[in-house]
Amino acid sequence: MINASQKGQLDLRNKLNLHLERIEPDDSGLAIKLYPFTRPHEENNPKIVVIDPRIAFGRLVIANTGIPTSILKERFHAGDTIEDLAYDYGCDLLSIQEAIRCELPNAA
C-alpha cells in the first residue's frame, strides 16, 4: 500500500533512489552492473558483490575480482574458514563474508 501523503511520497522517492544507486551504467547509459542488497537494512549495504553480464555469465561475484559467490559458499560449507578463503583468493575478510552472506538463505 502506498501512502499518498507528502511524507509517503518522499519516503518512496528515497527508497527508489537507494535502489537506483545500486545500478551502474556503462558509458552509453545502459545499466550494466547491479550491486544487490546483502543486508536487511538498505542503508547499510556495501557494494561488494555485483551482477555483471560481462563477468562469469552474470553470476554473482565479488566486485573487481570475478570470484563467484557460489564457489565461496560451497567451500565455506565444505569446511574452509573465511580466513582460508581470503588467503586463497587474495581478498579481504569483509569481501569474503559479504559474498557468503548473500548466498545464505534469508541473508538479506
Protein backbone atom coordinates (compact mmCIF):
# COMPACT_ATOMS: atom_id res chain seq x y z
CA MET A 1 0.00 0.00 0.00
CA ILE A 2 1.36 3.45 -0.92
CA ASN A 3 0.91 6.41 1.37
CA ALA A 4 -0.14 9.25 -0.95
CA SER A 5 0.59 11.93 1.61
CA GLN A 6 3.56 14.24 1.08
CA LYS A 7 5.69 12.30 3.58
CA GLY A 8 4.79 8.99 1.94
CA GLN A 9 5.86 10.32 -1.44
CA LEU A 10 9.20 11.43 -0.06
CA ASP A 11 9.75 8.04 1.57
CA LEU A 12 9.00 6.31 -1.71
CA ARG A 13 11.42 8.59 -3.57
CA ASN A 14 14.18 7.95 -1.03
CA LYS A 15 13.68 4.18 -1.22
CA LEU A 16 13.70 4.27 -5.01
CA ASN A 17 16.89 6.35 -5.02
CA LEU A 18 18.60 3.83 -2.71
CA HIS A 19 17.81 1.10 -5.23
CA LEU A 20 18.79 3.15 -8.27
CA GLU A 21 22.17 4.00 -6.72
CA ARG A 22 22.99 0.29 -6.83
CA ILE A 23 22.77 0.20 -10.63
CA GLU A 24 25.86 1.23 -12.55
CA PRO A 25 25.56 2.30 -16.20
CA ASP A 26 28.16 1.91 -18.92
CA ASP A 27 29.43 4.84 -20.99
CA SER A 28 26.29 4.89 -23.13
CA GLY A 29 23.97 4.96 -20.10
CA LEU A 30 22.90 1.31 -20.36
CA ALA A 31 22.54 -0.40 -16.97
CA ILE A 32 25.35 -2.92 -16.88
CA LYS A 33 26.08 -3.69 -13.20
CA LEU A 34 23.79 -4.37 -10.28
CA TYR A 35 25.01 -4.37 -6.69
CA PRO A 36 22.36 -6.38 -4.79
CA PHE A 37 21.44 -5.77 -1.18
CA THR A 38 23.19 -8.25 1.11
CA ARG A 39 21.94 -6.93 4.47
CA PRO A 40 18.45 -6.39 5.90
CA HIS A 41 18.63 -2.59 6.08
CA GLU A 42 19.06 -0.94 2.71
CA GLU A 43 21.08 1.96 4.08
CA ASN A 44 23.89 -0.24 5.44
CA ASN A 45 24.68 -2.31 2.36
CA PRO A 46 28.21 -2.19 0.97
CA LYS A 47 28.75 -2.60 -2.78
CA ILE A 48 30.96 -5.66 -2.53
CA VAL A 49 29.15 -8.22 -4.68
CA VAL A 50 27.96 -7.48 -8.19
CA ILE A 51 25.97 -8.94 -11.06
CA ASP A 52 27.61 -8.05 -14.36
CA PRO A 53 26.60 -9.94 -17.52
CA ARG A 54 30.13 -9.48 -18.87
CA ILE A 55 31.68 -11.40 -15.96
CA ALA A 56 31.01 -15.08 -15.13
CA PHE A 57 27.92 -15.08 -17.37
CA GLY A 58 26.12 -12.74 -14.98
CA ARG A 59 26.60 -14.85 -11.88
CA LEU A 60 27.01 -13.04 -8.59
CA VAL A 61 30.71 -12.32 -7.99
CA ILE A 62 32.89 -10.26 -5.70
CA ALA A 63 33.27 -6.88 -7.40
CA ASN A 64 36.53 -6.31 -9.28
CA THR A 65 37.60 -9.94 -8.88
CA GLY A 66 35.28 -12.21 -10.85
CA ILE A 67 35.20 -14.69 -7.95
CA PRO A 68 31.74 -16.34 -7.91
CA THR A 69 30.00 -16.14 -4.56
CA SER A 70 28.54 -19.62 -5.08
CA ILE A 71 32.05 -21.14 -5.10
CA LEU A 72 32.90 -19.37 -1.84
CA LYS A 73 29.70 -20.63 -0.25
CA GLU A 74 30.42 -24.20 -1.34
CA ARG A 75 33.94 -24.10 0.05
CA PHE A 76 32.72 -22.49 3.29
CA HIS A 77 30.11 -25.24 3.75
CA ALA A 78 32.81 -27.83 2.98
CA GLY A 79 34.80 -26.60 5.98
CA ASP A 80 37.10 -23.86 4.71
CA THR A 81 37.33 -20.89 7.06
CA ILE A 82 36.78 -17.31 5.95
CA GLU A 83 40.47 -16.71 6.61
CA ASP A 84 41.40 -19.65 4.33
CA LEU A 85 39.19 -18.32 1.55
CA ALA A 86 40.55 -14.79 1.91
CA TYR A 87 44.09 -16.12 1.65
CA ASP A 88 43.37 -18.44 -1.29
CA TYR A 89 41.62 -15.75 -3.34
CA GLY A 90 43.68 -12.76 -2.22
CA CYS A 91 40.64 -10.91 -0.86
CA ASP A 92 39.95 -9.12 2.38
CA LEU A 93 37.83 -10.79 5.04
CA LEU A 94 34.90 -8.37 4.60
CA SER A 95 34.56 -9.26 0.91
CA ILE A 96 34.52 -12.98 1.65
CA GLN A 97 31.99 -12.52 4.47
CA GLU A 98 29.65 -10.47 2.28
CA ALA A 99 29.93 -12.98 -0.55
CA ILE A 100 28.96 -15.83 1.75
CA ARG A 101 26.25 -13.73 3.45
CA CYS A 102 24.47 -13.05 0.16
CA GLU A 103 24.43 -16.77 -0.68
CA LEU A 104 22.85 -17.86 2.61
CA PRO A 105 19.07 -18.28 2.79
CA ASN A 106 17.29 -15.26 4.24
CA ALA A 107 20.53 -13.26 4.24
CA ALA A 108 19.02 -10.01 3.07
